[in-house]
Amino acid sequence: MMAEGLSGFLRTFTRGLRIVPRKGWKTLDAKRAKKGYVKGKGVKSVGRHTKYGGYTILAHKIPRYIVPDLKGFELKPYVARNFKPFYKA
């Protein structure tokens, strides 16, 4: 009976000393992966590499942003309708 309590105590005590996580690493980064691993930033390419080592930008790959016309728009960006100013200007 005493040995079971002692082994449970030791298991609980040494659990905090574990260096390697039980379920693997949370994220894969260059420090944890093999030698040639490069994660990148998730950016899509806007061109292609030439056979001479250059880079050509392709017009159909460049993102186009559509912005609506905001003339006469009452609200300002990121301001709530029920905003009360702290001071009078």
N, C-alpha and C. Protein backbone atom coordinates (compact mmCIF):
# COMPACT_ATOMS: atom_id res chain seq x y z
N MET A 1 0.83 -1.19 0.00
CA MET A 1 0.00 0.00 0.00
C MET A 1 0.87 1.26 0.00
N MET A 2 1.91 1.26 0.81
CA MET A 2 2.80 2.40 0.90
C MET A 2 3.59 2.58 -0.40
N ALA A 3 3.97 1.45 -1.03
CA ALA A 3 4.75 1.52 -2.27
C ALA A 3 3.93 2.12 -3.40
N GLU A 4 2.62 1.81 -3.45
CA GLU A 4 1.77 2.36 -4.50
C GLU A 4 1.63 3.88 -4.34
N GLY A 5 1.49 4.33 -3.14
CA GLY A 5 1.38 5.77 -2.89
C GLY A 5 2.67 6.49 -3.24
N LEU A 6 3.80 5.85 -2.94
CA LEU A 6 5.10 6.45 -3.23
C LEU A 6 5.34 6.51 -4.74
N SER A 7 4.97 5.45 -5.46
CA SER A 7 5.19 5.45 -6.92
C SER A 7 4.29 6.49 -7.59
N GLY A 8 3.06 6.65 -7.10
CA GLY A 8 2.17 7.68 -7.64
C GLY A 8 2.73 9.07 -7.39
N PHE A 9 3.30 9.28 -6.23
CA PHE A 9 3.91 10.57 -5.90
C PHE A 9 5.10 10.85 -6.81
N LEU A 10 5.93 9.83 -7.03
CA LEU A 10 7.10 10.02 -7.89
C LEU A 10 6.68 10.30 -9.34
N ARG A 11 5.64 9.60 -9.81
CA ARG A 11 5.16 9.84 -11.17
C ARG A 11 4.65 11.27 -11.31
N THR A 12 3.92 11.75 -10.34
CA THR A 12 3.39 13.11 -10.37
C THR A 12 4.53 14.12 -10.26
N PHE A 13 5.50 13.85 -9.44
CA PHE A 13 6.62 14.76 -9.24
C PHE A 13 7.48 14.87 -10.50
N THR A 14 7.76 13.75 -11.16
CA THR A 14 8.64 13.77 -12.33
C THR A 14 7.91 14.21 -13.60
N ARG A 15 6.61 14.33 -13.59
CA ARG A 15 5.87 14.75 -14.77
C ARG A 15 6.27 16.16 -15.19
N GLY A 16 6.56 17.02 -14.25
CA GLY A 16 6.96 18.38 -14.57
C GLY A 16 8.38 18.48 -15.09
N LEU A 17 9.18 17.44 -14.94
CA LEU A 17 10.57 17.46 -15.39
C LEU A 17 10.72 16.97 -16.83
N ARG A 18 9.64 16.63 -17.48
CA ARG A 18 9.68 16.08 -18.83
C ARG A 18 10.09 17.16 -19.83
N ILE A 19 11.08 16.88 -20.66
CA ILE A 19 11.57 17.85 -21.63
C ILE A 19 10.81 17.73 -22.95
N VAL A 20 10.60 16.52 -23.43
CA VAL A 20 9.91 16.30 -24.70
C VAL A 20 8.41 16.20 -24.43
N PRO A 21 7.58 16.94 -25.16
CA PRO A 21 6.15 16.86 -24.93
C PRO A 21 5.59 15.49 -25.32
N ARG A 22 4.50 15.09 -24.68
CA ARG A 22 3.92 13.77 -24.92
C ARG A 22 3.28 13.66 -26.30
N LYS A 23 2.66 14.70 -26.80
CA LYS A 23 1.92 14.62 -28.06
C LYS A 23 2.65 15.30 -29.21
N GLY A 24 3.94 15.47 -29.13
CA GLY A 24 4.69 16.08 -30.22
C GLY A 24 4.75 17.59 -30.08
N TRP A 25 5.49 18.20 -30.98
CA TRP A 25 5.65 19.65 -30.95
C TRP A 25 4.39 20.32 -31.46
N LYS A 26 4.08 21.47 -30.93
CA LYS A 26 2.86 22.19 -31.31
C LYS A 26 2.97 22.73 -32.74
N THR A 27 4.06 23.42 -33.08
CA THR A 27 4.24 23.96 -34.42
C THR A 27 5.56 23.47 -34.99
N LEU A 28 5.58 23.32 -36.29
CA LEU A 28 6.80 22.91 -36.96
C LEU A 28 7.53 24.16 -37.42
N ASP A 29 8.72 24.37 -36.92
CA ASP A 29 9.51 25.50 -37.35
C ASP A 29 10.88 25.01 -37.77
N ALA A 30 11.72 25.91 -38.24
CA ALA A 30 13.02 25.53 -38.77
C ALA A 30 13.92 24.92 -37.70
N LYS A 31 13.67 25.24 -36.45
CA LYS A 31 14.50 24.70 -35.38
C LYS A 31 14.20 23.22 -35.13
N ARG A 32 12.97 22.81 -35.37
CA ARG A 32 12.55 21.44 -35.09
C ARG A 32 12.56 20.54 -36.33
N ALA A 33 12.67 21.12 -37.52
CA ALA A 33 12.58 20.34 -38.76
C ALA A 33 13.98 19.98 -39.27
N LYS A 34 14.01 19.33 -40.43
CA LYS A 34 15.28 18.94 -41.03
C LYS A 34 16.01 20.14 -41.59
N LYS A 35 17.18 19.88 -42.13
CA LYS A 35 18.12 20.92 -42.53
C LYS A 35 17.57 21.91 -43.57
N GLY A 36 16.88 21.46 -44.59
CA GLY A 36 16.45 22.33 -45.67
C GLY A 36 15.06 22.89 -45.53
N TYR A 37 14.46 22.80 -44.35
CA TYR A 37 13.07 23.23 -44.17
C TYR A 37 12.97 24.75 -44.11
N VAL A 38 12.14 25.32 -44.98
CA VAL A 38 11.85 26.75 -44.96
C VAL A 38 10.34 26.90 -44.99
N LYS A 39 9.77 27.49 -43.96
CA LYS A 39 8.32 27.56 -43.85
C LYS A 39 7.73 28.62 -44.77
N GLY A 40 8.31 29.78 -44.83
CA GLY A 40 7.74 30.86 -45.63
C GLY A 40 6.70 31.62 -44.84
N LYS A 41 6.06 32.57 -45.49
CA LYS A 41 5.09 33.44 -44.83
C LYS A 41 3.68 33.29 -45.38
N GLY A 42 3.44 32.34 -46.28
CA GLY A 42 2.11 32.15 -46.82
C GLY A 42 1.74 33.13 -47.92
N VAL A 43 2.73 33.74 -48.54
CA VAL A 43 2.49 34.72 -49.59
C VAL A 43 2.47 34.01 -50.94
N LYS A 44 1.51 34.35 -51.78
CA LYS A 44 1.44 33.74 -53.11
C LYS A 44 2.40 34.45 -54.05
N SER A 45 2.90 33.72 -55.04
CA SER A 45 3.84 34.31 -55.98
C SER A 45 3.10 35.23 -56.95
N VAL A 46 3.78 36.28 -57.40
CA VAL A 46 3.20 37.20 -58.37
C VAL A 46 3.93 37.11 -59.71
N GLY A 47 4.75 36.10 -59.87
CA GLY A 47 5.50 35.96 -61.11
C GLY A 47 6.14 34.60 -61.21
N ARG A 48 7.23 34.52 -62.00
CA ARG A 48 7.94 33.25 -62.12
C ARG A 48 9.42 33.52 -62.30
N HIS A 49 10.22 32.51 -62.01
CA HIS A 49 11.67 32.59 -62.16
C HIS A 49 12.04 32.32 -63.62
N THR A 50 12.98 33.10 -64.14
CA THR A 50 13.46 32.86 -65.49
C THR A 50 14.60 31.86 -65.46
N LYS A 51 14.97 31.35 -66.63
CA LYS A 51 16.04 30.36 -66.67
C LYS A 51 17.41 31.00 -66.45
N TYR A 52 17.49 32.32 -66.47
CA TYR A 52 18.76 33.02 -66.24
C TYR A 52 18.90 33.52 -64.80
N GLY A 53 17.99 33.17 -63.94
CA GLY A 53 18.09 33.55 -62.54
C GLY A 53 17.32 34.81 -62.18
N GLY A 54 16.62 35.38 -63.12
CA GLY A 54 15.83 36.58 -62.84
C GLY A 54 14.42 36.22 -62.39
N TYR A 55 13.60 37.23 -62.26
CA TYR A 55 12.22 37.02 -61.83
C TYR A 55 11.33 37.93 -62.66
N THR A 56 10.30 37.37 -63.28
CA THR A 56 9.37 38.13 -64.10
C THR A 56 8.03 38.22 -63.39
N ILE A 57 7.52 39.44 -63.23
CA ILE A 57 6.22 39.64 -62.60
C ILE A 57 5.15 39.52 -63.67
N LEU A 58 4.14 38.71 -63.39
CA LEU A 58 3.03 38.50 -64.32
C LEU A 58 1.84 39.33 -63.86
N ALA A 59 1.29 40.14 -64.78
CA ALA A 59 0.23 41.09 -64.43
C ALA A 59 -1.03 40.39 -63.93
N HIS A 60 -1.35 39.22 -64.48
CA HIS A 60 -2.59 38.56 -64.06
C HIS A 60 -2.48 37.91 -62.68
N LYS A 61 -1.27 37.85 -62.12
CA LYS A 61 -1.10 37.29 -60.78
C LYS A 61 -1.07 38.35 -59.68
N ILE A 62 -0.99 39.62 -60.05
CA ILE A 62 -0.96 40.70 -59.06
C ILE A 62 -2.37 40.88 -58.50
N PRO A 63 -2.53 40.92 -57.17
CA PRO A 63 -3.88 41.07 -56.59
C PRO A 63 -4.47 42.45 -56.88
N ARG A 64 -5.77 42.46 -57.14
CA ARG A 64 -6.50 43.71 -57.37
C ARG A 64 -7.47 43.90 -56.22
N TYR A 65 -7.42 45.05 -55.60
CA TYR A 65 -8.28 45.35 -54.47
C TYR A 65 -9.40 46.28 -54.93
N ILE A 66 -10.64 45.90 -54.66
CA ILE A 66 -11.79 46.71 -55.04
C ILE A 66 -12.25 47.48 -53.79
N VAL A 67 -12.18 48.80 -53.87
CA VAL A 67 -12.56 49.66 -52.74
C VAL A 67 -13.81 50.43 -53.13
N PRO A 68 -14.86 50.38 -52.32
CA PRO A 68 -16.09 51.11 -52.67
C PRO A 68 -15.90 52.62 -52.51
N ASP A 69 -16.74 53.38 -53.20
CA ASP A 69 -16.72 54.83 -53.10
C ASP A 69 -17.35 55.24 -51.77
N LEU A 70 -16.63 55.99 -50.95
CA LEU A 70 -17.09 56.34 -49.61
C LEU A 70 -17.49 57.82 -49.50
N LYS A 71 -17.75 58.48 -50.61
CA LYS A 71 -18.19 59.88 -50.55
C LYS A 71 -19.59 59.94 -49.97
N GLY A 72 -19.80 60.79 -49.00
CA GLY A 72 -21.10 60.93 -48.35
C GLY A 72 -21.38 59.84 -47.33
N PHE A 73 -20.40 59.09 -46.97
CA PHE A 73 -20.57 58.02 -45.98
C PHE A 73 -20.50 58.62 -44.59
N GLU A 74 -21.49 58.37 -43.74
CA GLU A 74 -21.59 59.04 -42.44
C GLU A 74 -20.61 58.50 -41.41
N LEU A 75 -20.41 57.22 -41.37
CA LEU A 75 -19.55 56.64 -40.33
C LEU A 75 -18.08 56.73 -40.72
N LYS A 76 -17.23 56.86 -39.72
CA LYS A 76 -15.80 56.81 -39.92
C LYS A 76 -15.33 55.39 -39.63
N PRO A 77 -14.22 54.97 -40.16
CA PRO A 77 -13.77 53.60 -39.93
C PRO A 77 -13.44 53.35 -38.46
N TYR A 78 -13.86 52.20 -37.95
CA TYR A 78 -13.57 51.72 -36.60
C TYR A 78 -14.14 52.60 -35.49
N VAL A 79 -15.23 53.31 -35.74
CA VAL A 79 -15.86 54.14 -34.72
C VAL A 79 -17.30 53.67 -34.56
N ALA A 80 -17.71 53.41 -33.31
CA ALA A 80 -19.07 52.95 -33.05
C ALA A 80 -20.06 54.10 -33.20
N ARG A 81 -21.33 53.76 -33.48
CA ARG A 81 -22.37 54.78 -33.62
C ARG A 81 -22.64 55.49 -32.30
N ASN A 82 -22.55 54.78 -31.17
CA ASN A 82 -22.88 55.37 -29.87
C ASN A 82 -21.64 55.89 -29.15
N PHE A 83 -20.65 56.33 -29.88
CA PHE A 83 -19.43 56.85 -29.29
C PHE A 83 -19.67 58.23 -28.69
N LYS A 84 -19.23 58.42 -27.45
CA LYS A 84 -19.35 59.72 -26.80
C LYS A 84 -17.94 60.29 -26.64
N PRO A 85 -17.70 61.49 -27.15
CA PRO A 85 -16.35 62.06 -27.04
C PRO A 85 -15.99 62.36 -25.58
N PHE A 86 -14.71 62.27 -25.27
CA PHE A 86 -14.22 62.51 -23.91
C PHE A 86 -14.09 64.00 -23.63
N TYR A 87 -13.86 64.78 -24.65
CA TYR A 87 -13.68 66.22 -24.46
C TYR A 87 -14.28 66.93 -25.67
N LYS A 88 -14.52 68.23 -25.51
CA LYS A 88 -15.02 69.02 -26.62
C LYS A 88 -13.85 69.69 -27.32
N ALA A 89 -13.88 69.64 -28.63
CA ALA A 89 -12.78 70.22 -29.41
C ALA A 89 -13.02 71.68 -29.67
